[in-house]
Every structure is written in structure tokens, then in C-alpha cells.
Amino acid sequence: MARMTAIADKLPKAQGLLIGDHGYKAFCINDVISKINNFYEGTNVQPPTRRTIEGWFYKDSFPGWAIAVLSK
């Protein structure tokens, strides 16, 4: 959970959202989807599906490679 929280905590601050606020997790998921899709753009590789990315948040299984992509 610590890895996911480290990334998720950075995402909603621009919107003024805090953990537990209505829409916090949805905003984080949408932001991660956008960033991952941008990373994959032009690579001819399919990015993870929305369902997969949602699972990272709900199952606390955020992969290390995704954290690296989001951290840069």
C-alpha cells in the first residue's frame, strides 16, 4: 500500500482533493490512465486496461514499473 499511496498522494493535490474525499480515487485512476496512455503512445504496445489500473488501486498491487513511469 505504501507504494500506491506515495503515487496517489501526489496526483489529486492539483485538484485540492484529499484521501477520503468523494472522487479522490476516481481522479487518481483517471490521472494514472492518462499518464500511462501517454507513456505508451507511439510504441505499438497496448497499455494496461482501465480495469487493470483500477485493480492496482483496489487490490494494492501497483507494479514497480508503473511507479517508475509515474515518478518521472
PDB file of N, CA and C in Angstrom:
ATOM      1  N   MET A   1       0.828  -1.199   0.000  1.00  0.00           N
ATOM      2  CA  MET A   1       0.000   0.000   0.000  1.00  0.00           C
ATOM      3  C   MET A   1       0.865   1.253   0.000  1.00  0.00           C
ATOM      4  N   ALA A   2       2.024   1.178   0.574  1.00  0.00           N
ATOM      5  CA  ALA A   2       2.880   2.356   0.666  1.00  0.00           C
ATOM      6  C   ALA A   2       3.282   2.877  -0.711  1.00  0.00           C
ATOM      7  N   ARG A   3       3.586   1.958  -1.645  1.00  0.00           N
ATOM      8  CA  ARG A   3       3.991   2.404  -2.982  1.00  0.00           C
ATOM      9  C   ARG A   3       2.838   3.089  -3.692  1.00  0.00           C
ATOM     10  N   MET A   4       1.658   2.489  -3.630  1.00  0.00           N
ATOM     11  CA  MET A   4       0.491   3.077  -4.289  1.00  0.00           C
ATOM     12  C   MET A   4       0.147   4.416  -3.657  1.00  0.00           C
ATOM     13  N   THR A   5       0.201   4.487  -2.343  1.00  0.00           N
ATOM     14  CA  THR A   5      -0.147   5.720  -1.648  1.00  0.00           C
ATOM     15  C   THR A   5       0.836   6.832  -1.986  1.00  0.00           C
ATOM     16  N   ALA A   6       2.103   6.496  -2.144  1.00  0.00           N
ATOM     17  CA  ALA A   6       3.111   7.503  -2.478  1.00  0.00           C
ATOM     18  C   ALA A   6       2.801   8.168  -3.805  1.00  0.00           C
ATOM     19  N   ILE A   7       2.330   7.392  -4.764  1.00  0.00           N
ATOM     20  CA  ILE A   7       1.957   7.959  -6.064  1.00  0.00           C
ATOM     21  C   ILE A   7       0.607   8.652  -5.967  1.00  0.00           C
ATOM     22  N   ALA A   8      -0.360   7.982  -5.394  1.00  0.00           N
ATOM     23  CA  ALA A   8      -1.717   8.523  -5.342  1.00  0.00           C
ATOM     24  C   ALA A   8      -1.771   9.839  -4.584  1.00  0.00           C
ATOM     25  N   ASP A   9      -0.966   9.991  -3.556  1.00  0.00           N
ATOM     26  CA  ASP A   9      -0.983  11.225  -2.774  1.00  0.00           C
ATOM     27  C   ASP A   9      -0.530  12.430  -3.582  1.00  0.00           C
ATOM     28  N   LYS A  10       0.302  12.215  -4.590  1.00  0.00           N
ATOM     29  CA  LYS A  10       0.792  13.320  -5.413  1.00  0.00           C
ATOM     30  C   LYS A  10      -0.225  13.750  -6.459  1.00  0.00           C
ATOM     31  N   LEU A  11      -1.092  12.855  -6.884  1.00  0.00           N
ATOM     32  CA  LEU A  11      -1.962  13.111  -8.019  1.00  0.00           C
ATOM     33  C   LEU A  11      -3.073  14.124  -7.764  1.00  0.00           C
ATOM     34  N   PRO A  12      -3.841  14.007  -6.706  1.00  0.00           N
ATOM     35  CA  PRO A  12      -5.013  14.875  -6.589  1.00  0.00           C
ATOM     36  C   PRO A  12      -4.731  16.247  -6.000  1.00  0.00           C
ATOM     37  N   LYS A  13      -3.516  16.528  -5.580  1.00  0.00           N
ATOM     38  CA  LYS A  13      -3.243  17.804  -4.915  1.00  0.00           C
ATOM     39  C   LYS A  13      -3.571  19.001  -5.799  1.00  0.00           C
ATOM     40  N   ALA A  14      -3.388  18.841  -7.094  1.00  0.00           N
ATOM     41  CA  ALA A  14      -3.703  19.944  -8.001  1.00  0.00           C
ATOM     42  C   ALA A  14      -5.194  20.240  -8.004  1.00  0.00           C
ATOM     43  N   GLN A  15      -5.995  19.264  -7.689  1.00  0.00           N
ATOM     44  CA  GLN A  15      -7.440  19.439  -7.662  1.00  0.00           C
ATOM     45  C   GLN A  15      -7.954  19.752  -6.253  1.00  0.00           C
ATOM     46  N   GLY A  16      -7.068  19.760  -5.276  1.00  0.00           N
ATOM     47  CA  GLY A  16      -7.475  20.052  -3.912  1.00  0.00           C
ATOM     48  C   GLY A  16      -8.182  18.895  -3.221  1.00  0.00           C
ATOM     49  N   LEU A  17      -8.014  17.683  -3.741  1.00  0.00           N
ATOM     50  CA  LEU A  17      -8.661  16.520  -3.147  1.00  0.00           C
ATOM     51  C   LEU A  17      -7.754  15.891  -2.099  1.00  0.00           C
ATOM     52  N   LEU A  18      -8.374  15.311  -1.095  1.00  0.00           N
ATOM     53  CA  LEU A  18      -7.654  14.609  -0.040  1.00  0.00           C
ATOM     54  C   LEU A  18      -8.143  13.177   0.025  1.00  0.00           C
ATOM     55  N   ILE A  19      -7.315  12.290   0.575  1.00  0.00           N
ATOM     56  CA  ILE A  19      -7.730  10.900   0.754  1.00  0.00           C
ATOM     57  C   ILE A  19      -9.055  10.881   1.492  1.00  0.00           C
ATOM     58  N   GLY A  20      -9.982  10.118   0.975  1.00  0.00           N
ATOM     59  CA  GLY A  20     -11.295  10.007   1.596  1.00  0.00           C
ATOM     60  C   GLY A  20     -12.338  10.926   0.989  1.00  0.00           C
ATOM     61  N   ASP A  21     -11.905  11.960   0.271  1.00  0.00           N
ATOM     62  CA  ASP A  21     -12.861  12.849  -0.390  1.00  0.00           C
ATOM     63  C   ASP A  21     -13.584  12.095  -1.495  1.00  0.00           C
ATOM     64  N   HIS A  22     -14.831  12.486  -1.717  1.00  0.00           N
ATOM     65  CA  HIS A  22     -15.603  11.909  -2.821  1.00  0.00           C
ATOM     66  C   HIS A  22     -14.871  12.215  -4.125  1.00  0.00           C
ATOM     67  N   GLY A  23     -14.601  11.205  -4.885  1.00  0.00           N
ATOM     68  CA  GLY A  23     -13.948  11.386  -6.171  1.00  0.00           C
ATOM     69  C   GLY A  23     -12.438  11.266  -6.137  1.00  0.00           C
ATOM     70  N   TYR A  24     -11.855  11.120  -4.950  1.00  0.00           N
ATOM     71  CA  TYR A  24     -10.390  11.046  -4.825  1.00  0.00           C
ATOM     72  C   TYR A  24      -9.825   9.886  -5.634  1.00  0.00           C
ATOM     73  N   LYS A  25     -10.343   8.689  -5.381  1.00  0.00           N
ATOM     74  CA  LYS A  25      -9.799   7.508  -6.044  1.00  0.00           C
ATOM     75  C   LYS A  25     -10.087   7.549  -7.545  1.00  0.00           C
ATOM     76  N   ALA A  26     -11.271   7.996  -7.930  1.00  0.00           N
ATOM     77  CA  ALA A  26     -11.614   8.093  -9.346  1.00  0.00           C
ATOM     78  C   ALA A  26     -10.687   9.076 -10.054  1.00  0.00           C
ATOM     79  N   PHE A  27     -10.394  10.201  -9.410  1.00  0.00           N
ATOM     80  CA  PHE A  27      -9.476  11.170 -10.008  1.00  0.00           C
ATOM     81  C   PHE A  27      -8.095  10.547 -10.189  1.00  0.00           C
ATOM     82  N   CYS A  28      -7.614   9.850  -9.170  1.00  0.00           N
ATOM     83  CA  CYS A  28      -6.295   9.212  -9.247  1.00  0.00           C
ATOM     84  C   CYS A  28      -6.251   8.187 -10.373  1.00  0.00           C
ATOM     85  N   ILE A  29      -7.281   7.364 -10.457  1.00  0.00           N
ATOM     86  CA  ILE A  29      -7.334   6.338 -11.502  1.00  0.00           C
ATOM     87  C   ILE A  29      -7.318   6.996 -12.880  1.00  0.00           C
ATOM     88  N   ASN A  30      -8.136   8.009 -13.087  1.00  0.00           N
ATOM     89  CA  ASN A  30      -8.183   8.688 -14.388  1.00  0.00           C
ATOM     90  C   ASN A  30      -6.850   9.345 -14.728  1.00  0.00           C
ATOM     91  N   ASP A  31      -6.207   9.918 -13.728  1.00  0.00           N
ATOM     92  CA  ASP A  31      -4.921  10.571 -13.964  1.00  0.00           C
ATOM     93  C   ASP A  31      -3.851   9.545 -14.327  1.00  0.00           C
ATOM     94  N   VAL A  32      -3.840   8.424 -13.624  1.00  0.00           N
ATOM     95  CA  VAL A  32      -2.876   7.369 -13.927  1.00  0.00           C
ATOM     96  C   VAL A  32      -3.127   6.812 -15.328  1.00  0.00           C
ATOM     97  N   ILE A  33      -4.377   6.586 -15.674  1.00  0.00           N
ATOM     98  CA  ILE A  33      -4.704   6.090 -17.014  1.00  0.00           C
ATOM     99  C   ILE A  33      -4.172   7.051 -18.076  1.00  0.00           C
ATOM    100  N   SER A  34      -4.369   8.324 -17.879  1.00  0.00           N
ATOM    101  CA  SER A  34      -3.894   9.327 -18.830  1.00  0.00           C
ATOM    102  C   SER A  34      -2.376   9.290 -18.962  1.00  0.00           C
ATOM    103  N   LYS A  35      -1.687   9.243 -17.840  1.00  0.00           N
ATOM    104  CA  LYS A  35      -0.217   9.243 -17.869  1.00  0.00           C
ATOM    105  C   LYS A  35       0.339   7.953 -18.485  1.00  0.00           C
ATOM    106  N   ILE A  36      -0.258   6.817 -18.147  1.00  0.00           N
ATOM    107  CA  ILE A  36       0.191   5.539 -18.709  1.00  0.00           C
ATOM    108  C   ILE A  36      -0.074   5.514 -20.214  1.00  0.00           C
ATOM    109  N   ASN A  37      -1.233   5.983 -20.642  1.00  0.00           N
ATOM    110  CA  ASN A  37      -1.543   6.023 -22.080  1.00  0.00           C
ATOM    111  C   ASN A  37      -0.570   6.924 -22.821  1.00  0.00           C
ATOM    112  N   ASN A  38      -0.213   8.064 -22.241  1.00  0.00           N
ATOM    113  CA  ASN A  38       0.773   8.956 -22.861  1.00  0.00           C
ATOM    114  C   ASN A  38       2.127   8.267 -22.983  1.00  0.00           C
ATOM    115  N   PHE A  39       2.503   7.516 -21.955  1.00  0.00           N
ATOM    116  CA  PHE A  39       3.776   6.803 -21.973  1.00  0.00           C
ATOM    117  C   PHE A  39       3.810   5.769 -23.104  1.00  0.00           C
ATOM    118  N   TYR A  40       2.702   5.066 -23.304  1.00  0.00           N
ATOM    119  CA  TYR A  40       2.629   4.014 -24.312  1.00  0.00           C
ATOM    120  C   TYR A  40       2.398   4.546 -25.729  1.00  0.00           C
ATOM    121  N   GLU A  41       2.003   5.798 -25.852  1.00  0.00           N
ATOM    122  CA  GLU A  41       1.677   6.362 -27.165  1.00  0.00           C
ATOM    123  C   GLU A  41       2.855   6.233 -28.119  1.00  0.00           C
ATOM    124  N   GLY A  42       2.566   5.714 -29.290  1.00  0.00           N
ATOM    125  CA  GLY A  42       3.589   5.587 -30.328  1.00  0.00           C
ATOM    126  C   GLY A  42       4.484   4.368 -30.177  1.00  0.00           C
ATOM    127  N   THR A  43       4.205   3.499 -29.218  1.00  0.00           N
ATOM    128  CA  THR A  43       5.058   2.321 -29.014  1.00  0.00           C
ATOM    129  C   THR A  43       4.516   1.069 -29.681  1.00  0.00           C
ATOM    130  N   ASN A  44       3.291   1.135 -30.193  1.00  0.00           N
ATOM    131  CA  ASN A  44       2.617  -0.033 -30.766  1.00  0.00           C
ATOM    132  C   ASN A  44       2.408  -1.146 -29.740  1.00  0.00           C
ATOM    133  N   VAL A  45       2.371  -0.771 -28.470  1.00  0.00           N
ATOM    134  CA  VAL A  45       2.100  -1.712 -27.387  1.00  0.00           C
ATOM    135  C   VAL A  45       0.825  -1.242 -26.704  1.00  0.00           C
ATOM    136  N   GLN A  46      -0.057  -2.182 -26.393  1.00  0.00           N
ATOM    137  CA  GLN A  46      -1.308  -1.834 -25.722  1.00  0.00           C
ATOM    138  C   GLN A  46      -1.039  -1.509 -24.250  1.00  0.00           C
ATOM    139  N   PRO A  47      -1.495  -0.366 -23.791  1.00  0.00           N
ATOM    140  CA  PRO A  47      -1.355  -0.043 -22.372  1.00  0.00           C
ATOM    141  C   PRO A  47      -2.299  -0.910 -21.542  1.00  0.00           C
ATOM    142  N   PRO A  48      -2.082  -0.979 -20.248  1.00  0.00           N
ATOM    143  CA  PRO A  48      -2.996  -1.730 -19.391  1.00  0.00           C
ATOM    144  C   PRO A  48      -4.413  -1.179 -19.515  1.00  0.00           C
ATOM    145  N   THR A  49      -5.387  -2.041 -19.350  1.00  0.00           N
ATOM    146  CA  THR A  49      -6.782  -1.618 -19.427  1.00  0.00           C
ATOM    147  C   THR A  49      -7.172  -0.834 -18.181  1.00  0.00           C
ATOM    148  N   ARG A  50      -8.278  -0.136 -18.289  1.00  0.00           N
ATOM    149  CA  ARG A  50      -8.805   0.604 -17.141  1.00  0.00           C
ATOM    150  C   ARG A  50      -9.041  -0.346 -15.966  1.00  0.00           C
ATOM    151  N   ARG A  51      -9.588  -1.509 -16.282  1.00  0.00           N
ATOM    152  CA  ARG A  51      -9.873  -2.492 -15.221  1.00  0.00           C
ATOM    153  C   ARG A  51      -8.585  -2.910 -14.495  1.00  0.00           C
ATOM    154  N   THR A  52      -7.524  -3.101 -15.248  1.00  0.00           N
ATOM    155  CA  THR A  52      -6.236  -3.456 -14.647  1.00  0.00           C
ATOM    156  C   THR A  52      -5.745  -2.350 -13.729  1.00  0.00           C
ATOM    157  N   ILE A  53      -5.809  -1.115 -14.215  1.00  0.00           N
ATOM    158  CA  ILE A  53      -5.325   0.017 -13.418  1.00  0.00           C
ATOM    159  C   ILE A  53      -6.187   0.205 -12.175  1.00  0.00           C
ATOM    160  N   GLU A  54      -7.491   0.037 -12.302  1.00  0.00           N
ATOM    161  CA  GLU A  54      -8.353   0.109 -11.118  1.00  0.00           C
ATOM    162  C   GLU A  54      -7.942  -0.945 -10.095  1.00  0.00           C
ATOM    163  N   GLY A  55      -7.584  -2.120 -10.577  1.00  0.00           N
ATOM    164  CA  GLY A  55      -7.146  -3.189  -9.687  1.00  0.00           C
ATOM    165  C   GLY A  55      -5.900  -2.814  -8.907  1.00  0.00           C
ATOM    166  N   TRP A  56      -5.014  -2.030  -9.527  1.00  0.00           N
ATOM    167  CA  TRP A  56      -3.822  -1.594  -8.807  1.00  0.00           C
ATOM    168  C   TRP A  56      -4.205  -0.830  -7.547  1.00  0.00           C
ATOM    169  N   PHE A  57      -5.251  -0.019  -7.657  1.00  0.00           N
ATOM    170  CA  PHE A  57      -5.686   0.783  -6.512  1.00  0.00           C
ATOM    171  C   PHE A  57      -6.479  -0.037  -5.503  1.00  0.00           C
ATOM    172  N   TYR A  58      -7.370  -0.866  -5.999  1.00  0.00           N
ATOM    173  CA  TYR A  58      -8.267  -1.590  -5.101  1.00  0.00           C
ATOM    174  C   TYR A  58      -7.639  -2.829  -4.481  1.00  0.00           C
ATOM    175  N   LYS A  59      -6.641  -3.397  -5.153  1.00  0.00           N
ATOM    176  CA  LYS A  59      -6.005  -4.616  -4.638  1.00  0.00           C
ATOM    177  C   LYS A  59      -4.606  -4.355  -4.101  1.00  0.00           C
ATOM    178  N   ASP A  60      -4.200  -3.099  -4.073  1.00  0.00           N
ATOM    179  CA  ASP A  60      -2.870  -2.723  -3.604  1.00  0.00           C
ATOM    180  C   ASP A  60      -1.777  -3.517  -4.311  1.00  0.00           C
ATOM    181  N   SER A  61      -1.833  -3.509  -5.611  1.00  0.00           N
ATOM    182  CA  SER A  61      -0.836  -4.250  -6.389  1.00  0.00           C
ATOM    183  C   SER A  61      -0.203  -3.359  -7.454  1.00  0.00           C
ATOM    184  N   PHE A  62       0.127  -2.142  -7.080  1.00  0.00           N
ATOM    185  CA  PHE A  62       0.713  -1.192  -8.009  1.00  0.00           C
ATOM    186  C   PHE A  62       2.098  -1.696  -8.422  1.00  0.00           C
ATOM    187  N   PRO A  63       2.309  -1.999  -9.707  1.00  0.00           N
ATOM    188  CA  PRO A  63       3.601  -2.546 -10.139  1.00  0.00           C
ATOM    189  C   PRO A  63       4.711  -1.500 -10.095  1.00  0.00           C
ATOM    190  N   GLY A  64       5.906  -1.978  -9.833  1.00  0.00           N
ATOM    191  CA  GLY A  64       7.061  -1.091  -9.755  1.00  0.00           C
ATOM    192  C   GLY A  64       7.302  -0.303 -11.026  1.00  0.00           C
ATOM    193  N   TRP A  65       7.084  -0.937 -12.203  1.00  0.00           N
ATOM    194  CA  TRP A  65       7.328  -0.221 -13.454  1.00  0.00           C
ATOM    195  C   TRP A  65       6.375   0.957 -13.609  1.00  0.00           C
ATOM    196  N   ALA A  66       5.129   0.805 -13.137  1.00  0.00           N
ATOM    197  CA  ALA A  66       4.162   1.891 -13.258  1.00  0.00           C
ATOM    198  C   ALA A  66       4.553   3.042 -12.337  1.00  0.00           C
ATOM    199  N   ILE A  67       5.059   2.712 -11.177  1.00  0.00           N
ATOM    200  CA  ILE A  67       5.516   3.762 -10.258  1.00  0.00           C
ATOM    201  C   ILE A  67       6.675   4.523 -10.879  1.00  0.00           C
ATOM    202  N   ALA A  68       7.577   3.801 -11.541  1.00  0.00           N
ATOM    203  CA  ALA A  68       8.700   4.459 -12.200  1.00  0.00           C
ATOM    204  C   ALA A  68       8.228   5.396 -13.305  1.00  0.00           C
ATOM    205  N   VAL A  69       7.266   4.953 -14.104  1.00  0.00           N
ATOM    206  CA  VAL A  69       6.715   5.793 -15.183  1.00  0.00           C
ATOM    207  C   VAL A  69       6.060   7.031 -14.596  1.00  0.00           C
ATOM    208  N   LEU A  70       5.281   6.870 -13.546  1.00  0.00           N
ATOM    209  CA  LEU A  70       4.548   7.988 -12.962  1.00  0.00           C
ATOM    210  C   LEU A  70       5.447   8.940 -12.184  1.00  0.00           C
ATOM    211  N   SER A  71       6.600   8.446 -11.732  1.00  0.00           N
ATOM    212  CA  SER A  71       7.503   9.268 -10.927  1.00  0.00           C
ATOM    213  C   SER A  71       8.356  10.214 -11.763  1.00  0.00           C
ATOM    214  N   LYS A  72       8.478   9.913 -13.070  1.00  0.00           N
ATOM    215  CA  LYS A  72       9.344  10.778 -13.878  1.00  0.00           C
ATOM    216  C   LYS A  72       8.621  11.960 -14.460  1.00  0.00           C
TER     217      LYS A  72
END
